[in-house]
PDB file of N, CA and C in Angstrom:
ATOM      1  N   MET A   1      28.640 138.921  30.919  1.00  0.00           N
ATOM      2  CA  MET A   1      27.716 138.094  30.163  1.00  0.00           C
ATOM      3  C   MET A   1      28.259 136.669  30.022  1.00  0.00           C
ATOM      4  N   LYS A   2      29.537 136.556  29.634  1.00  0.00           N
ATOM      5  CA  LYS A   2      30.127 135.238  29.473  1.00  0.00           C
ATOM      6  C   LYS A   2      30.196 134.507  30.814  1.00  0.00           C
ATOM      7  N   GLN A   3      30.414 135.271  31.878  1.00  0.00           N
ATOM      8  CA  GLN A   3      30.481 134.680  33.208  1.00  0.00           C
ATOM      9  C   GLN A   3      29.134 134.058  33.595  1.00  0.00           C
ATOM     10  N   LYS A   4      28.026 134.707  33.221  1.00  0.00           N
ATOM     11  CA  LYS A   4      26.693 134.169  33.516  1.00  0.00           C
ATOM     12  C   LYS A   4      26.464 132.871  32.760  1.00  0.00           C
ATOM     13  N   ARG A   5      26.905 132.838  31.499  1.00  0.00           N
ATOM     14  CA  ARG A   5      26.750 131.612  30.710  1.00  0.00           C
ATOM     15  C   ARG A   5      27.565 130.483  31.318  1.00  0.00           C
ATOM     16  N   ASN A   6      28.781 130.819  31.767  1.00  0.00           N
ATOM     17  CA  ASN A   6      29.610 129.801  32.399  1.00  0.00           C
ATOM     18  C   ASN A   6      28.953 129.277  33.667  1.00  0.00           C
ATOM     19  N   ARG A   7      28.373 130.161  34.461  1.00  0.00           N
ATOM     20  CA  ARG A   7      27.693 129.751  35.696  1.00  0.00           C
ATOM     21  C   ARG A   7      26.505 128.850  35.375  1.00  0.00           C
ATOM     22  N   ARG A   8      25.742 129.230  34.366  1.00  0.00           N
ATOM     23  CA  ARG A   8      24.593 128.423  33.942  1.00  0.00           C
ATOM     24  C   ARG A   8      25.054 127.033  33.499  1.00  0.00           C
ATOM     25  N   LYS A   9      26.117 126.995  32.719  1.00  0.00           N
ATOM     26  CA  LYS A   9      26.651 125.713  32.250  1.00  0.00           C
ATOM     27  C   LYS A   9      27.146 124.871  33.422  1.00  0.00           C
ATOM     28  N   GLU A  10      27.787 125.506  34.400  1.00  0.00           N
ATOM     29  CA  GLU A  10      28.247 124.783  35.588  1.00  0.00           C
ATOM     30  C   GLU A  10      27.071 124.146  36.327  1.00  0.00           C
ATOM     31  N   ILE A  11      25.992 124.887  36.468  1.00  0.00           N
ATOM     32  CA  ILE A  11      24.810 124.365  37.161  1.00  0.00           C
ATOM     33  C   ILE A  11      24.214 123.196  36.381  1.00  0.00           C
ATOM     34  N   LEU A  12      24.090 123.347  35.073  1.00  0.00           N
ATOM     35  CA  LEU A  12      23.547 122.264  34.245  1.00  0.00           C
ATOM     36  C   LEU A  12      24.449 121.031  34.301  1.00  0.00           C
ATOM     37  N   ASP A  13      25.759 121.253  34.316  1.00  0.00           N
ATOM     38  CA  ASP A  13      26.697 120.132  34.438  1.00  0.00           C
ATOM     39  C   ASP A  13      26.541 119.424  35.782  1.00  0.00           C
ATOM     40  N   GLN A  14      26.317 120.188  36.852  1.00  0.00           N
ATOM     41  CA  GLN A  14      26.114 119.594  38.177  1.00  0.00           C
ATOM     42  C   GLN A  14      24.844 118.745  38.208  1.00  0.00           C
ATOM     43  N   ILE A  15      23.787 119.249  37.593  1.00  0.00           N
ATOM     44  CA  ILE A  15      22.534 118.492  37.533  1.00  0.00           C
ATOM     45  C   ILE A  15      22.745 117.192  36.764  1.00  0.00           C
ATOM     46  N   ALA A  16      23.423 117.273  35.628  1.00  0.00           N
ATOM     47  CA  ALA A  16      23.694 116.077  34.826  1.00  0.00           C
ATOM     48  C   ALA A  16      24.551 115.079  35.604  1.00  0.00           C
ATOM     49  N   TRP A  17      25.547 115.589  36.328  1.00  0.00           N
ATOM     50  CA  TRP A  17      26.415 114.716  37.116  1.00  0.00           C
ATOM     51  C   TRP A  17      25.620 114.006  38.213  1.00  0.00           C
ATOM     52  N   LEU A  18      24.772 114.753  38.903  1.00  0.00           N
ATOM     53  CA  LEU A  18      23.944 114.146  39.950  1.00  0.00           C
ATOM     54  C   LEU A  18      23.076 113.031  39.381  1.00  0.00           C
ATOM     55  N   GLU A  19      22.444 113.305  38.251  1.00  0.00           N
ATOM     56  CA  GLU A  19      21.564 112.301  37.649  1.00  0.00           C
ATOM     57  C   GLU A  19      22.343 111.063  37.222  1.00  0.00           C
ATOM     58  N   GLU A  20      23.476 111.268  36.562  1.00  0.00           N
ATOM     59  CA  GLU A  20      24.288 110.130  36.117  1.00  0.00           C
ATOM     60  C   GLU A  20      24.827 109.328  37.300  1.00  0.00           C
ATOM     61  N   THR A  21      25.234 110.023  38.346  1.00  0.00           N
ATOM     62  CA  THR A  21      25.868 109.367  39.484  1.00  0.00           C
ATOM     63  C   THR A  21      24.863 108.659  40.386  1.00  0.00           C
ATOM     64  N   TYR A  22      23.761 109.314  40.681  1.00  0.00           N
ATOM     65  CA  TYR A  22      22.841 108.785  41.679  1.00  0.00           C
ATOM     66  C   TYR A  22      21.522 108.256  41.120  1.00  0.00           C
ATOM     67  N   CYS A  23      21.010 108.834  40.070  1.00  0.00           N
ATOM     68  CA  CYS A  23      19.665 108.474  39.605  1.00  0.00           C
ATOM     69  C   CYS A  23      19.672 107.317  38.612  1.00  0.00           C
ATOM     70  N   ASP A  24      20.652 107.309  37.704  1.00  0.00           N
ATOM     71  CA  ASP A  24      20.734 106.198  36.762  1.00  0.00           C
ATOM     72  C   ASP A  24      21.056 104.934  37.552  1.00  0.00           C
ATOM     73  N   GLY A  25      20.191 103.969  37.480  1.00  0.00           N
ATOM     74  CA  GLY A  25      20.392 102.738  38.224  1.00  0.00           C
ATOM     75  C   GLY A  25      19.834 102.753  39.636  1.00  0.00           C
ATOM     76  N   CYS A  26      19.125 103.806  40.019  1.00  0.00           N
ATOM     77  CA  CYS A  26      18.542 103.881  41.362  1.00  0.00           C
ATOM     78  C   CYS A  26      17.438 102.832  41.491  1.00  0.00           C
ATOM     79  N   PHE A  27      17.544 102.017  42.526  1.00  0.00           N
ATOM     80  CA  PHE A  27      16.575 100.948  42.742  1.00  0.00           C
ATOM     81  C   PHE A  27      15.178 101.496  42.999  1.00  0.00           C
ATOM     82  N   LEU A  28      15.067 102.507  43.850  1.00  0.00           N
ATOM     83  CA  LEU A  28      13.750 103.068  44.159  1.00  0.00           C
ATOM     84  C   LEU A  28      13.102 103.670  42.922  1.00  0.00           C
ATOM     85  N   ARG A  29      13.878 104.420  42.173  1.00  0.00           N
ATOM     86  CA  ARG A  29      13.342 105.058  40.966  1.00  0.00           C
ATOM     87  C   ARG A  29      12.809 104.011  39.989  1.00  0.00           C
ATOM     88  N   SER A  30      13.604 102.976  39.723  1.00  0.00           N
ATOM     89  CA  SER A  30      13.161 101.965  38.762  1.00  0.00           C
ATOM     90  C   SER A  30      11.974 101.159  39.291  1.00  0.00           C
ATOM     91  N   THR A  31      11.959 100.864  40.581  1.00  0.00           N
ATOM     92  CA  THR A  31      10.847 100.111  41.164  1.00  0.00           C
ATOM     93  C   THR A  31       9.558 100.923  41.138  1.00  0.00           C
ATOM     94  N   PHE A  32       9.632 102.167  41.589  1.00  0.00           N
ATOM     95  CA  PHE A  32       8.437 103.016  41.578  1.00  0.00           C
ATOM     96  C   PHE A  32       7.935 103.238  40.161  1.00  0.00           C
ATOM     97  N   ARG A  33       8.842 103.361  39.235  1.00  0.00           N
ATOM     98  CA  ARG A  33       8.449 103.572  37.843  1.00  0.00           C
ATOM     99  C   ARG A  33       7.692 102.358  37.300  1.00  0.00           C
ATOM    100  N   LYS A  34       8.181 101.171  37.624  1.00  0.00           N
ATOM    101  CA  LYS A  34       7.529  99.942  37.160  1.00  0.00           C
ATOM    102  C   LYS A  34       6.182  99.724  37.841  1.00  0.00           C
ATOM    103  N   GLU A  35       6.134  99.951  39.149  1.00  0.00           N
ATOM    104  CA  GLU A  35       4.926  99.628  39.904  1.00  0.00           C
ATOM    105  C   GLU A  35       3.869 100.722  39.901  1.00  0.00           C
ATOM    106  N   TYR A  36       4.297 101.980  39.892  1.00  0.00           N
ATOM    107  CA  TYR A  36       3.342 103.083  40.013  1.00  0.00           C
ATOM    108  C   TYR A  36       3.324 104.036  38.823  1.00  0.00           C
ATOM    109  N   GLY A  37       4.351 103.967  37.986  1.00  0.00           N
ATOM    110  CA  GLY A  37       4.394 104.840  36.817  1.00  0.00           C
ATOM    111  C   GLY A  37       5.428 105.951  36.948  1.00  0.00           C
ATOM    112  N   LYS A  38       5.688 106.563  35.823  1.00  0.00           N
ATOM    113  CA  LYS A  38       6.717 107.600  35.724  1.00  0.00           C
ATOM    114  C   LYS A  38       6.406 108.817  36.590  1.00  0.00           C
ATOM    115  N   THR A  39       5.147 109.248  36.580  1.00  0.00           N
ATOM    116  CA  THR A  39       4.760 110.443  37.326  1.00  0.00           C
ATOM    117  C   THR A  39       4.987 110.255  38.822  1.00  0.00           C
ATOM    118  N   TYR A  40       4.603 109.102  39.355  1.00  0.00           N
ATOM    119  CA  TYR A  40       4.804 108.836  40.779  1.00  0.00           C
ATOM    120  C   TYR A  40       6.291 108.807  41.116  1.00  0.00           C
ATOM    121  N   ALA A  41       7.069 108.136  40.275  1.00  0.00           N
ATOM    122  CA  ALA A  41       8.512 108.043  40.530  1.00  0.00           C
ATOM    123  C   ALA A  41       9.150 109.427  40.531  1.00  0.00           C
ATOM    124  N   GLN A  42       8.787 110.264  39.576  1.00  0.00           N
ATOM    125  CA  GLN A  42       9.337 111.621  39.519  1.00  0.00           C
ATOM    126  C   GLN A  42       8.913 112.428  40.740  1.00  0.00           C
ATOM    127  N   SER A  43       7.668 112.289  41.125  1.00  0.00           N
ATOM    128  CA  SER A  43       7.169 113.007  42.292  1.00  0.00           C
ATOM    129  C   SER A  43       7.926 112.589  43.551  1.00  0.00           C
ATOM    130  N   PHE A  44       8.134 111.299  43.703  1.00  0.00           N
ATOM    131  CA  PHE A  44       8.892 110.814  44.859  1.00  0.00           C
ATOM    132  C   PHE A  44      10.298 111.401  44.862  1.00  0.00           C
ATOM    133  N   CYS A  45      10.960 111.334  43.726  1.00  0.00           N
ATOM    134  CA  CYS A  45      12.342 111.820  43.646  1.00  0.00           C
ATOM    135  C   CYS A  45      12.424 113.308  43.961  1.00  0.00           C
ATOM    136  N   ILE A  46      11.516 114.082  43.442  1.00  0.00           N
ATOM    137  CA  ILE A  46      11.545 115.531  43.641  1.00  0.00           C
ATOM    138  C   ILE A  46      11.223 115.899  45.084  1.00  0.00           C
ATOM    139  N   GLN A  47      10.262 115.208  45.694  1.00  0.00           N
ATOM    140  CA  GLN A  47       9.779 115.608  47.012  1.00  0.00           C
ATOM    141  C   GLN A  47      10.479 114.926  48.183  1.00  0.00           C
ATOM    142  N   GLN A  48      10.992 113.708  47.991  1.00  0.00           N
ATOM    143  CA  GLN A  48      11.478 112.959  49.145  1.00  0.00           C
ATOM    144  C   GLN A  48      12.936 112.519  49.071  1.00  0.00           C
ATOM    145  N   CYS A  49      13.529 112.566  47.912  1.00  0.00           N
ATOM    146  CA  CYS A  49      14.912 112.111  47.760  1.00  0.00           C
ATOM    147  C   CYS A  49      15.876 113.277  47.981  1.00  0.00           C
ATOM    148  N   THR A  50      16.971 113.027  48.682  1.00  0.00           N
ATOM    149  CA  THR A  50      17.943 114.094  48.935  1.00  0.00           C
ATOM    150  C   THR A  50      18.621 114.561  47.653  1.00  0.00           C
ATOM    151  N   VAL A  51      18.802 113.659  46.705  1.00  0.00           N
ATOM    152  CA  VAL A  51      19.385 114.049  45.416  1.00  0.00           C
ATOM    153  C   VAL A  51      18.397 114.927  44.658  1.00  0.00           C
ATOM    154  N   GLY A  52      17.125 114.569  44.708  1.00  0.00           N
ATOM    155  CA  GLY A  52      16.095 115.393  44.077  1.00  0.00           C
ATOM    156  C   GLY A  52      16.028 116.780  44.693  1.00  0.00           C
ATOM    157  N   GLU A  53      16.215 116.856  45.991  1.00  0.00           N
ATOM    158  CA  GLU A  53      16.242 118.153  46.682  1.00  0.00           C
ATOM    159  C   GLU A  53      17.397 119.008  46.165  1.00  0.00           C
ATOM    160  N   GLN A  54      18.554 118.396  46.010  1.00  0.00           N
ATOM    161  CA  GLN A  54      19.713 119.137  45.500  1.00  0.00           C
ATOM    162  C   GLN A  54      19.455 119.607  44.064  1.00  0.00           C
ATOM    163  N   MET A  55      18.858 118.738  43.247  1.00  0.00           N
ATOM    164  CA  MET A  55      18.536 119.124  41.866  1.00  0.00           C
ATOM    165  C   MET A  55      17.544 120.282  41.846  1.00  0.00           C
ATOM    166  N   ARG A  56      16.587 120.241  42.736  1.00  0.00           N
ATOM    167  CA  ARG A  56      15.598 121.317  42.811  1.00  0.00           C
ATOM    168  C   ARG A  56      16.280 122.637  43.178  1.00  0.00           C
ATOM    169  N   GLN A  57      17.229 122.594  44.084  1.00  0.00           N
ATOM    170  CA  GLN A  57      17.964 123.809  44.450  1.00  0.00           C
ATOM    171  C   GLN A  57      18.746 124.362  43.261  1.00  0.00           C
ATOM    172  N   TYR A  58      19.367 123.474  42.501  1.00  0.00           N
ATOM    173  CA  TYR A  58      20.071 123.926  41.294  1.00  0.00           C
ATOM    174  C   TYR A  58      19.089 124.535  40.294  1.00  0.00           C
ATOM    175  N   GLY A  59      17.923 123.916  40.159  1.00  0.00           N
ATOM    176  CA  GLY A  59      16.903 124.452  39.259  1.00  0.00           C
ATOM    177  C   GLY A  59      16.452 125.840  39.670  1.00  0.00           C
ATOM    178  N   GLU A  60      16.312 126.052  40.971  1.00  0.00           N
ATOM    179  CA  GLU A  60      15.935 127.380  41.463  1.00  0.00           C
ATOM    180  C   GLU A  60      17.024 128.402  41.159  1.00  0.00           C
ATOM    181  N   MET A  61      18.289 127.976  41.224  1.00  0.00           N
ATOM    182  CA  MET A  61      19.384 128.879  40.853  1.00  0.00           C
ATOM    183  C   MET A  61      19.278 129.285  39.386  1.00  0.00           C
ATOM    184  N   LEU A  62      18.930 128.327  38.540  1.00  0.00           N
ATOM    185  CA  LEU A  62      18.782 128.630  37.112  1.00  0.00           C
ATOM    186  C   LEU A  62      17.634 129.600  36.875  1.00  0.00           C
ATOM    187  N   LEU A  63      16.529 129.395  37.587  1.00  0.00           N
ATOM    188  CA  LEU A  63      15.361 130.251  37.397  1.00  0.00           C
ATOM    189  C   LEU A  63      15.560 131.644  37.973  1.00  0.00           C
ATOM    190  N   SER A  64      16.374 131.760  39.011  1.00  0.00           N
ATOM    191  CA  SER A  64      16.565 133.068  39.635  1.00  0.00           C
ATOM    192  C   SER A  64      17.544 133.948  38.866  1.00  0.00           C
ATOM    193  N   ALA A  65      18.314 133.357  37.986  1.00  0.00           N
ATOM    194  CA  ALA A  65      19.260 134.143  37.187  1.00  0.00           C
ATOM    195  C   ALA A  65      18.486 134.959  36.162  1.00  0.00           C
ATOM    196  N   PRO A  66      18.927 136.183  35.889  1.00  0.00           N
ATOM    197  CA  PRO A  66      18.241 136.986  34.875  1.00  0.00           C
ATOM    198  C   PRO A  66      18.347 136.318  33.509  1.00  0.00           C
ATOM    199  N   PRO A  67      17.327 136.464  32.676  1.00  0.00           N
ATOM    200  CA  PRO A  67      17.344 135.807  31.367  1.00  0.00           C
ATOM    201  C   PRO A  67      18.431 136.392  30.471  1.00  0.00           C
ATOM    202  N   HIS A  68      18.872 135.562  29.550  1.00  0.00           N
ATOM    203  CA  HIS A  68      19.874 135.997  28.580  1.00  0.00           C
ATOM    204  C   HIS A  68      19.218 136.891  27.540  1.00  0.00           C
ATOM    205  N   PRO A  69      19.843 138.000  27.189  1.00  0.00           N
ATOM    206  CA  PRO A  69      19.290 138.807  26.096  1.00  0.00           C
ATOM    207  C   PRO A  69      19.482 138.067  24.771  1.00  0.00           C
ATOM    208  N   ARG A  70      18.487 138.109  23.952  1.00  0.00           N
ATOM    209  CA  ARG A  70      18.569 137.434  22.649  1.00  0.00           C
ATOM    210  C   ARG A  70      19.391 138.269  21.694  1.00  0.00           C
ATOM    211  N   GLN A  71      20.187 137.593  20.925  1.00  0.00           N
ATOM    212  CA  GLN A  71      21.027 138.302  19.952  1.00  0.00           C
ATOM    213  C   GLN A  71      20.620 137.958  18.550  1.00  0.00           C
TER     214      GLN A  71
END
Protein backbone atom coordinates (compact mmCIF):
# COMPACT_ATOMS: atom_id res chain seq x y z
CA MET A 1 0.00 0.00 0.00
CA LYS A 2 2.75 2.45 0.96
CA GLN A 3 4.64 1.50 -2.19
CA LYS A 4 1.62 2.51 -4.34
CA ARG A 5 1.42 5.87 -2.59
CA ASN A 6 5.12 6.41 -3.18
CA ARG A 7 4.71 5.55 -6.87
CA ARG A 8 1.78 7.95 -7.16
CA LYS A 9 3.79 10.70 -5.48
CA GLU A 10 6.73 10.03 -7.81
CA ILE A 11 4.46 10.41 -10.84
CA LEU A 12 2.94 13.63 -9.50
CA ASP A 13 6.43 14.96 -8.76
CA GLN A 14 7.50 14.16 -12.34
CA ILE A 15 4.49 16.02 -13.74
CA ALA A 16 5.25 19.03 -11.53
CA TRP A 17 8.91 18.95 -12.57
CA LEU A 18 8.01 18.84 -16.26
CA GLU A 19 5.65 21.79 -15.89
CA GLU A 20 8.14 23.87 -13.90
CA THR A 21 11.02 23.04 -16.22
CA TYR A 22 9.40 23.27 -19.63
CA CYS A 23 5.95 24.87 -19.42
CA ASP A 24 6.54 27.83 -17.11
CA GLY A 25 7.89 30.50 -19.40
CA CYS A 26 7.10 28.60 -22.62
CA PHE A 27 6.83 31.10 -25.46
CA LEU A 28 4.24 29.12 -27.42
CA ARG A 29 2.05 28.57 -24.38
CA SER A 30 2.04 32.24 -23.40
CA THR A 31 1.52 33.43 -26.99
CA PHE A 32 -1.34 31.04 -27.69
CA ARG A 33 -2.92 31.93 -24.38
CA LYS A 34 -2.82 35.65 -25.17
CA GLU A 35 -3.95 35.36 -28.78
CA TYR A 36 -6.39 32.44 -28.70
CA GLY A 37 -7.23 31.85 -25.05
CA LYS A 38 -6.50 29.34 -22.33
CA THR A 39 -8.50 26.48 -23.86
CA TYR A 40 -6.65 26.66 -27.18
CA ALA A 41 -3.27 26.84 -25.47
CA GLN A 42 -4.07 23.81 -23.30
CA SER A 43 -5.35 21.88 -26.29
CA PHE A 44 -2.19 22.63 -28.24
CA CYS A 45 0.04 21.57 -25.36
CA ILE A 46 -1.84 18.33 -24.76
CA GLN A 47 -2.13 17.30 -28.41
CA GLN A 48 1.00 18.63 -30.13
CA CYS A 49 3.73 19.33 -27.59
CA THR A 50 6.18 16.57 -26.67
CA VAL A 51 6.13 17.67 -23.03
CA GLY A 52 2.33 17.51 -23.06
CA GLU A 53 2.56 14.00 -24.49
CA GLN A 54 4.83 12.95 -21.63
CA MET A 55 2.44 14.51 -19.09
CA ARG A 56 -0.46 12.67 -20.68
CA GLN A 57 1.43 9.38 -20.33
CA TYR A 58 2.04 10.08 -16.65
CA GLY A 59 -1.65 10.91 -16.25
CA GLU A 60 -2.60 7.58 -17.81
CA MET A 61 -0.30 5.85 -15.31
CA LEU A 62 -2.15 7.57 -12.48
CA LEU A 63 -5.54 6.58 -13.88
CA SER A 64 -4.54 2.97 -14.49
CA ALA A 65 -3.46 2.44 -10.89
CA PRO A 66 -6.12 0.88 -8.66
CA PRO A 67 -7.85 3.42 -6.40
CA HIS A 68 -6.75 3.85 -2.82
CA PRO A 69 -9.09 2.31 -0.26
CA ARG A 70 -10.58 4.97 1.98
CA GLN A 71 -9.73 4.76 5.63
